[in-house]
Amino acid sequence: MAETLSRRRAICILAAAGGLTLLPWSRAAAAAPSPVVWKGQALGAPASLVLHHPDRRQAEKLITRMVAEVARLETIFSLYREDSALNELNRLGALAMPPAELVAVLDASRTVWEATGGLFDPSVQPLWSLYARHFGEPGADPSGPPEAEAEKAARLVGLRNVHANRDRIAFARSGMALTLNGIAQGYITDRIVALLRDAGVTSSLVDMGETRAIGNRADGSPWSIGLAETQSDDIDTVIPIVDKAVATSSLMGFRFDAAGRFGHILHPMHGRVEPRYRRLTVIATEATRADAYSTAMTLMSPEEIRTAVARQPGLSVDLVTVSGQHLRFG
């Protein structure tokens, strides 16, 4: 079975504990003993959890914990919730006694920011907001925001001007803002994997927008993950993974403008960039790392990606260029 990766698809978790057999999605409902199934919403998308466990009550408790954890983390990282810790930080420019998870994600972001020469930069939000406002106006200039406005927004970008520790997060410049959309889904995926491992789950596929596997499939074979362009169901490659995470990014996944010239991944220094890849997928040991690198590497040339992968143990990249060339590094 190959799972197509796309941020617009439903969130799914398939897991087995206590030595029970883990069956494919289509057969899960017929498994014996009967699995515990939950359906609802998580991270703004339809979600389903199917858990095979010898103790039904324990399974229900574990599902409740997972749902509660995702909801809790949303109150920290979401840009779409007015009451989130991230939105409070963006409004005020500082946050005292921040949630430990927010500090952890900023620490992880800084590591990738340094390793990519600043290409992964969560402080790009002022540029993103500029493009969103510009193209949200009737009759917007199709060539994009005025250069002077783009330069002004770009001056607010720079993770070096975000100071964070367990006591306080603060921006060095008024008007700065963060988006964690390029890393938070990966972090949440890793947290759910940690919950499952602690509960004795030995075989699982967790898809929270980014995908991470625990162990092998029930028959001992690797999980098969289908890779596709964002918002597409057309799988171009299938890769095997065991205890690995997979994250896919594409400049073509979301566009500000109807003509499709302006994608949602912006260069921290320049704003709009010409798309290089139909799809870029990073495979890593953790989803947090895979998520961040998949965002940054869409802004790199193939040679720059090759060099970056050589410097990062446990990282590999599978991509398709806009011309259709399929490349694999690592």
C-alpha atoms as a PDB file:
ATOM      1  CA  MET A   1       0.000   0.000   0.000  1.00  0.00           C
ATOM      2  CA  ALA A   2       1.348   3.449  -0.885  1.00  0.00           C
ATOM      3  CA  GLU A   3       0.202   6.534   0.987  1.00  0.00           C
ATOM      4  CA  THR A   4       0.056   9.660  -1.195  1.00  0.00           C
ATOM      5  CA  LEU A   5       1.522  12.653   0.600  1.00  0.00           C
ATOM      6  CA  SER A   6      -0.445  15.869   0.426  1.00  0.00           C
ATOM      7  CA  ARG A   7      -1.180  18.559   3.009  1.00  0.00           C
ATOM      8  CA  ARG A   8      -4.783  18.684   1.832  1.00  0.00           C
ATOM      9  CA  ARG A   9      -5.503  15.010   2.497  1.00  0.00           C
ATOM     10  CA  ALA A  10      -6.983  13.585   5.665  1.00  0.00           C
ATOM     11  CA  ILE A  11      -4.779  13.038   8.691  1.00  0.00           C
ATOM     12  CA  CYS A  12      -4.466   9.315   9.451  1.00  0.00           C
ATOM     13  CA  ILE A  13      -2.867   7.234  12.188  1.00  0.00           C
ATOM     14  CA  LEU A  14      -2.769   3.445  11.912  1.00  0.00           C
ATOM     15  CA  ALA A  15      -1.161   1.675  14.855  1.00  0.00           C
ATOM     16  CA  ALA A  16      -0.899  -1.651  16.652  1.00  0.00           C
ATOM     17  CA  ALA A  17       0.225  -2.469  20.188  1.00  0.00           C
ATOM     18  CA  GLY A  18       0.588  -5.595  22.260  1.00  0.00           C
ATOM     19  CA  GLY A  19       1.727  -7.800  19.401  1.00  0.00           C
ATOM     20  CA  LEU A  20      -1.508  -7.462  17.411  1.00  0.00           C
ATOM     21  CA  THR A  21      -1.458  -7.494  13.640  1.00  0.00           C
ATOM     22  CA  LEU A  22      -1.619  -4.159  11.879  1.00  0.00           C
ATOM     23  CA  LEU A  23      -3.914  -4.345   8.863  1.00  0.00           C
ATOM     24  CA  PRO A  24      -4.231  -1.972   5.900  1.00  0.00           C
ATOM     25  CA  TRP A  25      -6.713   0.919   6.087  1.00  0.00           C
ATOM     26  CA  SER A  26      -9.286  -0.876   3.976  1.00  0.00           C
ATOM     27  CA  ARG A  27      -9.271  -3.979   6.173  1.00  0.00           C
ATOM     28  CA  ALA A  28      -8.870  -2.335   9.565  1.00  0.00           C
ATOM     29  CA  ALA A  29     -12.582  -2.346  10.381  1.00  0.00           C
ATOM     30  CA  ALA A  30     -12.740  -6.117   9.865  1.00  0.00           C
ATOM     31  CA  ALA A  31      -9.779  -6.926  12.119  1.00  0.00           C
ATOM     32  CA  ALA A  32     -10.187  -9.126  15.175  1.00  0.00           C
ATOM     33  CA  PRO A  33     -10.222  -8.037  17.889  1.00  0.00           C
ATOM     34  CA  SER A  34     -12.145  -5.016  16.695  1.00  0.00           C
ATOM     35  CA  PRO A  35      -9.933  -1.911  16.484  1.00  0.00           C
ATOM     36  CA  VAL A  36     -10.821   1.343  18.160  1.00  0.00           C
ATOM     37  CA  VAL A  37     -11.628   3.902  15.462  1.00  0.00           C
ATOM     38  CA  TRP A  38     -11.866   7.669  15.944  1.00  0.00           C
ATOM     39  CA  LYS A  39     -12.891  10.214  13.313  1.00  0.00           C
ATOM     40  CA  GLY A  40     -12.885  13.965  13.695  1.00  0.00           C
ATOM     41  CA  GLN A  41     -10.840  17.084  12.942  1.00  0.00           C
ATOM     42  CA  ALA A  42      -7.177  17.799  13.665  1.00  0.00           C
ATOM     43  CA  LEU A  43      -4.899  20.549  12.367  1.00  0.00           C
ATOM     44  CA  GLY A  44      -7.788  21.883  10.307  1.00  0.00           C
ATOM     45  CA  ALA A  45      -8.258  18.655   8.347  1.00  0.00           C
ATOM     46  CA  PRO A  46     -10.400  15.505   8.570  1.00  0.00           C
ATOM     47  CA  ALA A  47      -8.656  12.978  10.809  1.00  0.00           C
ATOM     48  CA  SER A  48      -8.995   9.283  11.554  1.00  0.00           C
ATOM     49  CA  LEU A  49      -7.194   7.060  14.052  1.00  0.00           C
ATOM     50  CA  VAL A  50      -7.326   3.259  13.885  1.00  0.00           C
ATOM     51  CA  LEU A  51      -5.700   1.521  16.848  1.00  0.00           C
ATOM     52  CA  HIS A  52      -5.329  -2.255  17.320  1.00  0.00           C
ATOM     53  CA  HIS A  53      -4.772  -2.971  21.014  1.00  0.00           C
ATOM     54  CA  PRO A  54      -5.459  -5.991  23.252  1.00  0.00           C
ATOM     55  CA  ASP A  55      -7.132  -3.742  25.839  1.00  0.00           C
ATOM     56  CA  ARG A  56      -9.961  -1.691  24.348  1.00  0.00           C
ATOM     57  CA  ARG A  57     -10.147   0.643  27.325  1.00  0.00           C
ATOM     58  CA  GLN A  58      -6.433   1.404  27.080  1.00  0.00           C
ATOM     59  CA  ALA A  59      -6.812   1.983  23.361  1.00  0.00           C
ATOM     60  CA  GLU A  60      -9.594   4.492  23.948  1.00  0.00           C
ATOM     61  CA  LYS A  61      -7.453   6.287  26.539  1.00  0.00           C
ATOM     62  CA  LEU A  62      -4.531   6.458  24.128  1.00  0.00           C
ATOM     63  CA  ILE A  63      -6.673   7.888  21.351  1.00  0.00           C
ATOM     64  CA  THR A  64      -8.079  10.460  23.768  1.00  0.00           C
ATOM     65  CA  ARG A  65      -4.517  11.431  24.714  1.00  0.00           C
ATOM     66  CA  MET A  66      -3.478  11.809  21.077  1.00  0.00           C
ATOM     67  CA  VAL A  67      -6.478  13.948  20.182  1.00  0.00           C
ATOM     68  CA  ALA A  68      -5.936  16.127  23.254  1.00  0.00           C
ATOM     69  CA  GLU A  69      -2.224  16.509  22.484  1.00  0.00           C
ATOM     70  CA  VAL A  70      -2.857  17.661  18.916  1.00  0.00           C
ATOM     71  CA  ALA A  71      -5.451  20.157  20.156  1.00  0.00           C
ATOM     72  CA  ARG A  72      -3.044  21.436  22.826  1.00  0.00           C
ATOM     73  CA  LEU A  73      -0.218  21.899  20.347  1.00  0.00           C
ATOM     74  CA  GLU A  74      -2.546  23.774  18.003  1.00  0.00           C
ATOM     75  CA  THR A  75      -3.099  26.340  20.764  1.00  0.00           C
ATOM     76  CA  ILE A  76       0.654  26.928  20.682  1.00  0.00           C
ATOM     77  CA  PHE A  77       1.584  26.891  16.983  1.00  0.00           C
ATOM     78  CA  SER A  78      -1.490  27.837  14.971  1.00  0.00           C
ATOM     79  CA  LEU A  79      -1.674  31.085  13.003  1.00  0.00           C
ATOM     80  CA  TYR A  80      -5.396  30.492  12.526  1.00  0.00           C
ATOM     81  CA  ARG A  81      -6.333  30.600  16.210  1.00  0.00           C
ATOM     82  CA  GLU A  82      -6.435  34.066  17.709  1.00  0.00           C
ATOM     83  CA  ASP A  83      -5.695  32.637  21.155  1.00  0.00           C
ATOM     84  CA  SER A  84      -2.552  30.708  20.168  1.00  0.00           C
ATOM     85  CA  ALA A  85       0.767  31.443  21.833  1.00  0.00           C
ATOM     86  CA  LEU A  86       2.273  32.167  18.414  1.00  0.00           C
ATOM     87  CA  ASN A  87      -0.343  34.793  17.599  1.00  0.00           C
ATOM     88  CA  GLU A  88       0.130  36.407  20.995  1.00  0.00           C
ATOM     89  CA  LEU A  89       3.872  36.617  20.320  1.00  0.00           C
ATOM     90  CA  ASN A  90       3.264  38.120  16.883  1.00  0.00           C
ATOM     91  CA  ARG A  91       0.832  40.713  18.288  1.00  0.00           C
ATOM     92  CA  LEU A  92       2.974  41.807  21.228  1.00  0.00           C
ATOM     93  CA  GLY A  93       6.474  41.225  19.910  1.00  0.00           C
ATOM     94  CA  ALA A  94       7.399  39.358  23.086  1.00  0.00           C
ATOM     95  CA  LEU A  95       6.119  36.470  25.172  1.00  0.00           C
ATOM     96  CA  ALA A  96       7.054  35.847  28.805  1.00  0.00           C
ATOM     97  CA  MET A  97       7.208  32.264  30.097  1.00  0.00           C
ATOM     98  CA  PRO A  98       6.553  30.784  26.665  1.00  0.00           C
ATOM     99  CA  PRO A  99       5.410  27.175  26.254  1.00  0.00           C
ATOM    100  CA  ALA A 100       8.371  24.814  26.262  1.00  0.00           C
ATOM    101  CA  GLU A 101       7.238  23.400  22.920  1.00  0.00           C
ATOM    102  CA  LEU A 102       7.433  26.824  21.269  1.00  0.00           C
ATOM    103  CA  VAL A 103      10.991  27.274  22.507  1.00  0.00           C
ATOM    104  CA  ALA A 104      11.875  23.761  21.306  1.00  0.00           C
ATOM    105  CA  VAL A 105      10.549  24.437  17.811  1.00  0.00           C
ATOM    106  CA  LEU A 106      12.429  27.733  17.624  1.00  0.00           C
ATOM    107  CA  ASP A 107      15.610  25.943  18.708  1.00  0.00           C
ATOM    108  CA  ALA A 108      15.084  23.330  15.975  1.00  0.00           C
ATOM    109  CA  SER A 109      14.347  26.114  13.497  1.00  0.00           C
ATOM    110  CA  ARG A 110      17.564  27.897  14.384  1.00  0.00           C
ATOM    111  CA  THR A 111      19.581  24.722  13.788  1.00  0.00           C
ATOM    112  CA  VAL A 112      18.175  24.363  10.256  1.00  0.00           C
ATOM    113  CA  TRP A 113      18.408  28.134   9.661  1.00  0.00           C
ATOM    114  CA  GLU A 114      22.128  27.995  10.405  1.00  0.00           C
ATOM    115  CA  ALA A 115      22.682  24.844   8.327  1.00  0.00           C
ATOM    116  CA  THR A 116      20.863  26.293   5.292  1.00  0.00           C
ATOM    117  CA  GLY A 117      22.450  29.724   5.340  1.00  0.00           C
ATOM    118  CA  GLY A 118      19.181  31.331   6.417  1.00  0.00           C
ATOM    119  CA  LEU A 119      16.970  29.746   3.729  1.00  0.00           C
ATOM    120  CA  PHE A 120      14.761  28.207   6.392  1.00  0.00           C
ATOM    121  CA  ASP A 121      13.539  31.223   8.330  1.00  0.00           C
ATOM    122  CA  PRO A 122      10.246  31.241  10.286  1.00  0.00           C
ATOM    123  CA  SER A 123      10.459  35.038  10.542  1.00  0.00           C
ATOM    124  CA  VAL A 124       9.459  35.272   6.850  1.00  0.00           C
ATOM    125  CA  GLN A 125       5.853  35.966   7.945  1.00  0.00           C
ATOM    126  CA  PRO A 126       5.944  39.733   7.168  1.00  0.00           C
ATOM    127  CA  LEU A 127       6.753  38.921   3.526  1.00  0.00           C
ATOM    128  CA  TRP A 128       4.051  36.244   3.417  1.00  0.00           C
ATOM    129  CA  SER A 129       1.489  38.679   4.854  1.00  0.00           C
ATOM    130  CA  LEU A 130       2.481  41.309   2.269  1.00  0.00           C
ATOM    131  CA  TYR A 131       1.839  38.941  -0.640  1.00  0.00           C
ATOM    132  CA  ALA A 132      -1.427  37.732   0.902  1.00  0.00           C
ATOM    133  CA  ARG A 133      -2.680  41.313   1.379  1.00  0.00           C
ATOM    134  CA  HIS A 134      -1.580  42.391  -2.083  1.00  0.00           C
ATOM    135  CA  PHE A 135      -3.293  39.581  -3.963  1.00  0.00           C
ATOM    136  CA  GLY A 136      -6.314  39.761  -1.691  1.00  0.00           C
ATOM    137  CA  GLU A 137      -7.136  43.228  -3.054  1.00  0.00           C
ATOM    138  CA  PRO A 138      -9.440  43.577  -6.079  1.00  0.00           C
ATOM    139  CA  GLY A 139      -7.497  44.414  -9.219  1.00  0.00           C
ATOM    140  CA  ALA A 140      -4.131  43.595  -7.645  1.00  0.00           C
ATOM    141  CA  ASP A 141      -1.112  44.230  -9.830  1.00  0.00           C
ATOM    142  CA  PRO A 142      -0.293  40.768 -11.271  1.00  0.00           C
ATOM    143  CA  SER A 143       3.420  41.519 -11.084  1.00  0.00           C
ATOM    144  CA  GLY A 144       3.245  41.472  -7.275  1.00  0.00           C
ATOM    145  CA  PRO A 145       3.625  43.987  -4.461  1.00  0.00           C
ATOM    146  CA  PRO A 146       5.551  47.232  -5.075  1.00  0.00           C
ATOM    147  CA  GLU A 147       9.295  46.728  -4.759  1.00  0.00           C
ATOM    148  CA  ALA A 148       9.569  49.292  -1.971  1.00  0.00           C
ATOM    149  CA  GLU A 149       6.989  47.420   0.128  1.00  0.00           C
ATOM    150  CA  ALA A 150       8.708  44.097  -0.489  1.00  0.00           C
ATOM    151  CA  GLU A 151      12.060  45.578   0.573  1.00  0.00           C
ATOM    152  CA  LYS A 152      10.486  47.023   3.723  1.00  0.00           C
ATOM    153  CA  ALA A 153       8.961  43.639   4.640  1.00  0.00           C
ATOM    154  CA  ALA A 154      12.237  41.842   3.896  1.00  0.00           C
ATOM    155  CA  ARG A 155      14.042  44.067   6.408  1.00  0.00           C
ATOM    156  CA  LEU A 156      11.845  42.550   9.125  1.00  0.00           C
ATOM    157  CA  VAL A 157      12.981  39.028   8.250  1.00  0.00           C
ATOM    158  CA  GLY A 158      15.891  37.416  10.080  1.00  0.00           C
ATOM    159  CA  LEU A 159      15.880  34.729  12.751  1.00  0.00           C
ATOM    160  CA  ARG A 160      18.987  36.308  14.270  1.00  0.00           C
ATOM    161  CA  ASN A 161      16.611  39.005  15.553  1.00  0.00           C
ATOM    162  CA  VAL A 162      14.424  36.519  17.413  1.00  0.00           C
ATOM    163  CA  HIS A 163      15.714  35.905  20.932  1.00  0.00           C
ATOM    164  CA  ALA A 164      14.311  32.860  22.687  1.00  0.00           C
ATOM    165  CA  ASN A 165      14.892  30.989  25.906  1.00  0.00           C
ATOM    166  CA  ARG A 166      12.648  29.267  28.433  1.00  0.00           C
ATOM    167  CA  ASP A 167      11.906  32.587  30.166  1.00  0.00           C
ATOM    168  CA  ARG A 168      11.111  34.831  27.213  1.00  0.00           C
ATOM    169  CA  ILE A 169      10.810  35.103  23.438  1.00  0.00           C
ATOM    170  CA  ALA A 170      11.263  38.575  21.974  1.00  0.00           C
ATOM    171  CA  PHE A 171      11.651  40.243  18.593  1.00  0.00           C
ATOM    172  CA  ALA A 172      14.468  42.739  18.172  1.00  0.00           C
ATOM    173  CA  ARG A 173      12.451  44.813  15.683  1.00  0.00           C
ATOM    174  CA  SER A 174       8.905  46.096  15.783  1.00  0.00           C
ATOM    175  CA  GLY A 175       6.721  44.546  13.094  1.00  0.00           C
ATOM    176  CA  MET A 176       8.436  41.145  13.043  1.00  0.00           C
ATOM    177  CA  ALA A 177       6.311  38.000  13.049  1.00  0.00           C
ATOM    178  CA  LEU A 178       6.782  34.243  12.872  1.00  0.00           C
ATOM    179  CA  THR A 179       5.150  31.430  10.970  1.00  0.00           C
ATOM    180  CA  LEU A 180       5.874  27.849  11.998  1.00  0.00           C
ATOM    181  CA  ASN A 181       3.963  26.294   9.110  1.00  0.00           C
ATOM    182  CA  GLY A 182       7.227  24.911   7.717  1.00  0.00           C
ATOM    183  CA  ILE A 183       8.098  22.916  10.824  1.00  0.00           C
ATOM    184  CA  ALA A 184       5.190  22.619  13.287  1.00  0.00           C
ATOM    185  CA  GLN A 185       3.411  19.764  11.487  1.00  0.00           C
ATOM    186  CA  GLY A 186       6.613  17.775  11.644  1.00  0.00           C
ATOM    187  CA  TYR A 187       7.016  18.543  15.336  1.00  0.00           C
ATOM    188  CA  ILE A 188       3.433  17.481  16.089  1.00  0.00           C
ATOM    189  CA  THR A 189       3.991  14.266  14.121  1.00  0.00           C
ATOM    190  CA  ASP A 190       7.045  13.496  16.256  1.00  0.00           C
ATOM    191  CA  ARG A 191       5.088  14.142  19.455  1.00  0.00           C
ATOM    192  CA  ILE A 192       2.360  11.705  18.414  1.00  0.00           C
ATOM    193  CA  VAL A 193       4.997   9.097  17.542  1.00  0.00           C
ATOM    194  CA  ALA A 194       6.497   9.552  21.025  1.00  0.00           C
ATOM    195  CA  LEU A 195       3.082   8.983  22.620  1.00  0.00           C
ATOM    196  CA  LEU A 196       2.562   5.812  20.594  1.00  0.00           C
ATOM    197  CA  ARG A 197       6.012   4.436  21.424  1.00  0.00           C
ATOM    198  CA  ASP A 198       5.481   5.105  25.136  1.00  0.00           C
ATOM    199  CA  ALA A 199       2.203   3.163  24.932  1.00  0.00           C
ATOM    200  CA  GLY A 200       3.916   0.102  23.468  1.00  0.00           C
ATOM    201  CA  VAL A 201       3.061   0.649  19.822  1.00  0.00           C
ATOM    202  CA  THR A 202       5.622  -1.163  17.675  1.00  0.00           C
ATOM    203  CA  SER A 203       4.104  -0.743  14.214  1.00  0.00           C
ATOM    204  CA  SER A 204       2.513   2.480  13.035  1.00  0.00           C
ATOM    205  CA  LEU A 205       2.158   4.918  10.185  1.00  0.00           C
ATOM    206  CA  VAL A 206       1.440   8.457  11.350  1.00  0.00           C
ATOM    207  CA  ASP A 207       0.363  11.009   8.739  1.00  0.00           C
ATOM    208  CA  MET A 208      -0.149  14.488  10.193  1.00  0.00           C
ATOM    209  CA  GLY A 209       0.593  16.308   6.951  1.00  0.00           C
ATOM    210  CA  GLU A 210       4.106  14.908   7.325  1.00  0.00           C
ATOM    211  CA  THR A 211       4.506  11.134   7.625  1.00  0.00           C
ATOM    212  CA  ARG A 212       6.533   9.063  10.071  1.00  0.00           C
ATOM    213  CA  ALA A 213       6.721   5.310  10.488  1.00  0.00           C
ATOM    214  CA  ILE A 214       7.310   3.274  13.625  1.00  0.00           C
ATOM    215  CA  GLY A 215       8.968  -0.026  12.787  1.00  0.00           C
ATOM    216  CA  ASN A 216       7.918  -2.217   9.879  1.00  0.00           C
ATOM    217  CA  ARG A 217       4.573  -3.345   8.570  1.00  0.00           C
ATOM    218  CA  ALA A 218       3.036  -6.413  10.224  1.00  0.00           C
ATOM    219  CA  ASP A 219       4.667  -8.782   7.707  1.00  0.00           C
ATOM    220  CA  GLY A 220       8.118  -7.340   8.417  1.00  0.00           C
ATOM    221  CA  SER A 221       8.332  -5.397   5.172  1.00  0.00           C
ATOM    222  CA  PRO A 222       8.999  -1.653   5.023  1.00  0.00           C
ATOM    223  CA  TRP A 223       6.188   0.835   4.755  1.00  0.00           C
ATOM    224  CA  SER A 224       5.618   1.981   1.169  1.00  0.00           C
ATOM    225  CA  ILE A 225       5.137   5.725   0.788  1.00  0.00           C
ATOM    226  CA  GLY A 226       3.890   7.177  -2.467  1.00  0.00           C
ATOM    227  CA  LEU A 227       5.347  10.540  -3.442  1.00  0.00           C
ATOM    228  CA  ALA A 228       3.284  13.044  -5.402  1.00  0.00           C
ATOM    229  CA  GLU A 229       3.148  16.730  -6.117  1.00  0.00           C
ATOM    230  CA  THR A 230       1.297  18.776  -3.523  1.00  0.00           C
ATOM    231  CA  GLN A 231      -2.478  18.707  -4.131  1.00  0.00           C
ATOM    232  CA  SER A 232      -2.069  15.800  -6.557  1.00  0.00           C
ATOM    233  CA  ASP A 233      -2.979  12.125  -6.288  1.00  0.00           C
ATOM    234  CA  ASP A 234      -0.661  11.109  -9.126  1.00  0.00           C
ATOM    235  CA  ILE A 235       2.137   9.127  -7.472  1.00  0.00           C
ATOM    236  CA  ASP A 236       5.435   9.444  -9.344  1.00  0.00           C
ATOM    237  CA  THR A 237       7.634   7.415  -6.977  1.00  0.00           C
ATOM    238  CA  VAL A 238       7.197   4.886  -4.167  1.00  0.00           C
ATOM    239  CA  ILE A 239       9.868   4.671  -1.467  1.00  0.00           C
ATOM    240  CA  PRO A 240      10.272   2.152   1.399  1.00  0.00           C
ATOM    241  CA  ILE A 241      10.746   3.486   4.947  1.00  0.00           C
ATOM    242  CA  VAL A 242      11.342   1.923   8.371  1.00  0.00           C
ATOM    243  CA  ASP A 243      11.547   4.218  11.414  1.00  0.00           C
ATOM    244  CA  LYS A 244      11.852   7.217   9.111  1.00  0.00           C
ATOM    245  CA  ALA A 245       9.931  10.420   8.436  1.00  0.00           C
ATOM    246  CA  VAL A 246       8.952  11.885   5.085  1.00  0.00           C
ATOM    247  CA  ALA A 247       8.035  15.492   4.235  1.00  0.00           C
ATOM    248  CA  THR A 248       7.155  16.933   0.840  1.00  0.00           C
ATOM    249  CA  SER A 249       7.134  20.566  -0.256  1.00  0.00           C
ATOM    250  CA  SER A 250       6.301  22.235  -3.541  1.00  0.00           C
ATOM    251  CA  LEU A 251       6.258  25.845  -4.633  1.00  0.00           C
ATOM    252  CA  MET A 252       3.270  24.830  -6.754  1.00  0.00           C
ATOM    253  CA  GLY A 253       1.222  23.645  -3.772  1.00  0.00           C
ATOM    254  CA  PHE A 254      -0.396  27.005  -3.010  1.00  0.00           C
ATOM    255  CA  ARG A 255      -0.373  30.150  -5.108  1.00  0.00           C
ATOM    256  CA  PHE A 256      -1.223  33.686  -4.071  1.00  0.00           C
ATOM    257  CA  ASP A 257      -2.329  34.646  -7.578  1.00  0.00           C
ATOM    258  CA  ALA A 258      -4.649  33.111 -10.165  1.00  0.00           C
ATOM    259  CA  ALA A 259      -1.850  32.984 -12.744  1.00  0.00           C
ATOM    260  CA  GLY A 260       0.208  30.765 -10.432  1.00  0.00           C
ATOM    261  CA  ARG A 261       3.366  32.895 -10.585  1.00  0.00           C
ATOM    262  CA  PHE A 262       3.634  33.468  -6.826  1.00  0.00           C
ATOM    263  CA  GLY A 263       3.985  30.386  -4.616  1.00  0.00           C
ATOM    264  CA  HIS A 264       3.632  30.215  -0.851  1.00  0.00           C
ATOM    265  CA  ILE A 265       7.283  29.382  -0.114  1.00  0.00           C
ATOM    266  CA  LEU A 266       9.114  32.698  -0.215  1.00  0.00           C
ATOM    267  CA  HIS A 267      12.823  33.402  -0.181  1.00  0.00           C
ATOM    268  CA  PRO A 268      13.610  35.151   3.136  1.00  0.00           C
ATOM    269  CA  MET A 269      15.709  37.780   1.363  1.00  0.00           C
ATOM    270  CA  HIS A 270      13.992  38.113  -2.003  1.00  0.00           C
ATOM    271  CA  GLY A 271      10.355  37.084  -1.634  1.00  0.00           C
ATOM    272  CA  ARG A 272       9.070  35.459  -4.813  1.00  0.00           C
ATOM    273  CA  VAL A 273      11.256  32.851  -6.501  1.00  0.00           C
ATOM    274  CA  GLU A 274      10.861  30.922  -9.738  1.00  0.00           C
ATOM    275  CA  PRO A 275       9.751  27.323  -9.065  1.00  0.00           C
ATOM    276  CA  ARG A 276      12.538  24.783  -9.539  1.00  0.00           C
ATOM    277  CA  TYR A 277      10.754  21.608  -8.485  1.00  0.00           C
ATOM    278  CA  ARG A 278       7.391  20.005  -9.014  1.00  0.00           C
ATOM    279  CA  ARG A 279       8.001  18.109  -5.805  1.00  0.00           C
ATOM    280  CA  LEU A 280      10.799  17.948  -3.261  1.00  0.00           C
ATOM    281  CA  THR A 281      10.727  15.225  -0.607  1.00  0.00           C
ATOM    282  CA  VAL A 282      13.054  14.880   2.368  1.00  0.00           C
ATOM    283  CA  ILE A 283      13.523  11.607   4.247  1.00  0.00           C
ATOM    284  CA  ALA A 284      14.962  11.890   7.771  1.00  0.00           C
ATOM    285  CA  THR A 285      14.849  10.212  11.161  1.00  0.00           C
ATOM    286  CA  GLU A 286      12.469  12.843  12.591  1.00  0.00           C
ATOM    287  CA  ALA A 287       9.530  14.615  10.983  1.00  0.00           C
ATOM    288  CA  THR A 288      10.534  17.979  12.482  1.00  0.00           C
ATOM    289  CA  ARG A 289      13.829  17.890  10.608  1.00  0.00           C
ATOM    290  CA  ALA A 290      12.309  16.539   7.395  1.00  0.00           C
ATOM    291  CA  ASP A 291       9.618  19.242   7.415  1.00  0.00           C
ATOM    292  CA  ALA A 292      12.065  22.121   7.859  1.00  0.00           C
ATOM    293  CA  TYR A 293      14.584  20.893   5.296  1.00  0.00           C
ATOM    294  CA  SER A 294      11.901  20.215   2.687  1.00  0.00           C
ATOM    295  CA  THR A 295      10.873  23.871   2.965  1.00  0.00           C
ATOM    296  CA  ALA A 296      14.419  25.242   2.742  1.00  0.00           C
ATOM    297  CA  MET A 297      15.564  22.979  -0.068  1.00  0.00           C
ATOM    298  CA  THR A 298      12.861  24.144  -2.461  1.00  0.00           C
ATOM    299  CA  LEU A 299      14.943  27.343  -2.595  1.00  0.00           C
ATOM    300  CA  MET A 300      18.211  25.521  -3.389  1.00  0.00           C
ATOM    301  CA  SER A 301      19.720  24.388  -6.662  1.00  0.00           C
ATOM    302  CA  PRO A 302      20.268  20.641  -7.142  1.00  0.00           C
ATOM    303  CA  GLU A 303      23.986  21.074  -6.479  1.00  0.00           C
ATOM    304  CA  GLU A 304      23.297  23.012  -3.297  1.00  0.00           C
ATOM    305  CA  ILE A 305      20.955  20.220  -2.197  1.00  0.00           C
ATOM    306  CA  ARG A 306      23.612  17.600  -2.940  1.00  0.00           C
ATOM    307  CA  THR A 307      26.110  19.517  -0.793  1.00  0.00           C
ATOM    308  CA  ALA A 308      23.624  20.020   2.056  1.00  0.00           C
ATOM    309  CA  VAL A 309      22.680  16.323   2.117  1.00  0.00           C
ATOM    310  CA  ALA A 310      26.357  15.319   2.242  1.00  0.00           C
ATOM    311  CA  ARG A 311      26.743  17.449   5.377  1.00  0.00           C
ATOM    312  CA  GLN A 312      23.656  16.079   7.138  1.00  0.00           C
ATOM    313  CA  PRO A 313      23.847  12.453   8.346  1.00  0.00           C
ATOM    314  CA  GLY A 314      20.613  10.501   7.950  1.00  0.00           C
ATOM    315  CA  LEU A 315      19.127  12.926   5.415  1.00  0.00           C
ATOM    316  CA  SER A 316      18.143  12.062   1.838  1.00  0.00           C
ATOM    317  CA  VAL A 317      16.175  13.892  -0.848  1.00  0.00           C
ATOM    318  CA  ASP A 318      13.980  12.699  -3.712  1.00  0.00           C
ATOM    319  CA  LEU A 319      12.796  15.384  -6.138  1.00  0.00           C
ATOM    320  CA  VAL A 320      11.274  16.087  -9.522  1.00  0.00           C
ATOM    321  CA  THR A 321      12.338  19.265 -11.321  1.00  0.00           C
ATOM    322  CA  VAL A 322       9.903  21.469 -13.224  1.00  0.00           C
ATOM    323  CA  SER A 323      11.285  19.926 -16.430  1.00  0.00           C
ATOM    324  CA  GLY A 324      10.414  16.438 -15.159  1.00  0.00           C
ATOM    325  CA  GLN A 325      13.916  15.260 -14.217  1.00  0.00           C
ATOM    326  CA  HIS A 326      13.897  12.831 -11.273  1.00  0.00           C
ATOM    327  CA  LEU A 327      16.879  13.203  -8.874  1.00  0.00           C
ATOM    328  CA  ARG A 328      17.836  11.420  -5.653  1.00  0.00           C
ATOM    329  CA  PHE A 329      20.497  12.527  -3.177  1.00  0.00           C
ATOM    330  CA  GLY A 330      21.680  10.545  -0.170  1.00  0.00           C
END
